[in-house]
C-alpha atoms as a PDB file:
ATOM      1  CA  MET A   1       0.114  -0.001   0.117  1.00  0.00           C
ATOM      2  CA  ILE A   2       2.702   2.448   1.128  1.00  0.00           C
ATOM      3  CA  ALA A   3       4.782   1.598  -2.311  1.00  0.00           C
ATOM      4  CA  ARG A   4       1.677   1.953  -4.465  1.00  0.00           C
ATOM      5  CA  ALA A   5       0.970   5.583  -3.020  1.00  0.00           C
ATOM      6  CA  VAL A   6       4.557   6.454  -3.411  1.00  0.00           C
ATOM      7  CA  LEU A   7       4.981   5.419  -6.889  1.00  0.00           C
ATOM      8  CA  THR A   8       2.126   7.993  -7.650  1.00  0.00           C
ATOM      9  CA  ARG A   9       4.369  10.771  -6.506  1.00  0.00           C
ATOM     10  CA  PRO A  10       1.537  12.538  -4.523  1.00  0.00           C
ATOM     11  CA  ARG A  11       1.587  16.131  -3.286  1.00  0.00           C
ATOM     12  CA  LEU A  12       0.407  15.014   0.256  1.00  0.00           C
ATOM     13  CA  LEU A  13       0.710  11.540   1.765  1.00  0.00           C
ATOM     14  CA  LEU A  14      -1.194  10.268   4.836  1.00  0.00           C
ATOM     15  CA  ILE A  15       0.074   7.553   6.802  1.00  0.00           C
ATOM     16  CA  ASP A  16      -2.101   6.581   9.579  1.00  0.00           C
ATOM     17  CA  ARG A  17      -0.314   3.793  11.569  1.00  0.00           C
ATOM     18  CA  ALA A  18       0.956   1.949   8.571  1.00  0.00           C
ATOM     19  CA  LEU A  19       4.479   1.883   9.874  1.00  0.00           C
ATOM     20  CA  GLU A  20       3.839   0.356  13.327  1.00  0.00           C
ATOM     21  CA  ASP A  21       3.932  -3.388  12.465  1.00  0.00           C
ATOM     22  CA  PHE A  22       7.312  -3.286  10.644  1.00  0.00           C
ATOM     23  CA  ASP A  23      10.142  -4.631  12.081  1.00  0.00           C
ATOM     24  CA  PRO A  24      12.806  -2.123  12.931  1.00  0.00           C
ATOM     25  CA  PRO A  25      15.313  -2.462  10.026  1.00  0.00           C
ATOM     26  CA  ALA A  26      12.252  -2.280   7.372  1.00  0.00           C
ATOM     27  CA  ARG A  27      10.732   0.472   9.546  1.00  0.00           C
ATOM     28  CA  GLU A  28      13.868   2.393   9.072  1.00  0.00           C
ATOM     29  CA  ARG A  29      14.276   1.879   5.288  1.00  0.00           C
ATOM     30  CA  ILE A  30      10.542   2.660   4.656  1.00  0.00           C
ATOM     31  CA  ALA A  31      10.971   5.943   6.943  1.00  0.00           C
ATOM     32  CA  ASP A  32      14.113   6.917   5.241  1.00  0.00           C
ATOM     33  CA  LEU A  33      12.090   7.126   1.885  1.00  0.00           C
ATOM     34  CA  LEU A  34       9.034   8.874   3.372  1.00  0.00           C
ATOM     35  CA  PHE A  35      10.961  11.442   5.323  1.00  0.00           C
ATOM     36  CA  ALA A  36      13.437  12.181   2.751  1.00  0.00           C
ATOM     37  CA  PRO A  37      14.028  15.831   2.541  1.00  0.00           C
ATOM     38  CA  ASP A  38      13.776  16.016  -1.486  1.00  0.00           C
ATOM     39  CA  ALA A  39      10.252  14.088  -1.200  1.00  0.00           C
ATOM     40  CA  PRO A  40       7.769  15.733  -3.310  1.00  0.00           C
ATOM     41  CA  TRP A  41       5.148  15.313  -0.747  1.00  0.00           C
ATOM     42  CA  THR A  42       4.012  16.731   2.337  1.00  0.00           C
ATOM     43  CA  LEU A  43       3.880  14.036   4.833  1.00  0.00           C
ATOM     44  CA  PHE A  44       1.091  13.625   7.617  1.00  0.00           C
ATOM     45  CA  VAL A  45       1.676  10.567   9.900  1.00  0.00           C
ATOM     46  CA  VAL A  46      -0.285   9.329  12.815  1.00  0.00           C
ATOM     47  CA  SER A  47       1.725   7.070  15.014  1.00  0.00           C
ATOM     48  CA  GLU A  48       2.504   6.034  18.665  1.00  0.00           C
ATOM     49  CA  ARG A  49       5.988   5.013  17.890  1.00  0.00           C
ATOM     50  CA  GLU A  50       8.763   7.412  19.133  1.00  0.00           C
ATOM     51  CA  ASP A  51      11.281   6.412  16.684  1.00  0.00           C
ATOM     52  CA  VAL A  52       8.801   7.577  13.990  1.00  0.00           C
ATOM     53  CA  LEU A  53       7.579  10.639  15.618  1.00  0.00           C
ATOM     54  CA  ALA A  54      11.285  11.709  16.200  1.00  0.00           C
ATOM     55  CA  ARG A  55      11.794  12.177  12.383  1.00  0.00           C
ATOM     56  CA  CYS A  56       8.732  14.590  12.397  1.00  0.00           C
ATOM     57  CA  GLY A  57       9.609  18.328  12.060  1.00  0.00           C
ATOM     58  CA  ARG A  58       6.330  19.341  13.784  1.00  0.00           C
ATOM     59  CA  ARG A  59       4.324  17.199  16.354  1.00  0.00           C
ATOM     60  CA  ILE A  60       0.651  17.682  17.149  1.00  0.00           C
ATOM     61  CA  THR A  61      -0.718  15.921  20.167  1.00  0.00           C
ATOM     62  CA  LEU A  62      -4.422  15.248  20.214  1.00  0.00           C
ATOM     63  CA  GLY A  63      -5.796  14.777  23.901  1.00  0.00           C
ATOM     64  CA  ASP A  64      -3.856  14.421  26.965  1.00  0.00           C
ATOM     65  CA  PRO A  65      -1.529  11.314  26.518  1.00  0.00           C
ATOM     66  CA  ASP A  66      -1.242  10.727  30.263  1.00  0.00           C
ATOM     67  CA  ARG A  67      -4.926  10.491  30.834  1.00  0.00           C
ATOM     68  CA  SER A  68      -7.006   7.429  29.817  1.00  0.00           C
ATOM     69  CA  PRO A  69     -10.303   8.072  28.250  1.00  0.00           C
ATOM     70  CA  LEU A  70     -13.315   7.896  30.438  1.00  0.00           C
END
């Protein structure tokens, strides 16, 4: 799914937890491609993985991560 999306060279790429289940070496290689400085897209990522979030230039947290929902 990610490969198909990248091949179309979109202007906006939305990744919603798609990197969560890859093993670390595979996730690293895919993230290198997605987060490349010369990538033609704006990347919007939803993730709970700190290694993925650390690559983001800007982070927005929705809700209080320290508080469980009622």
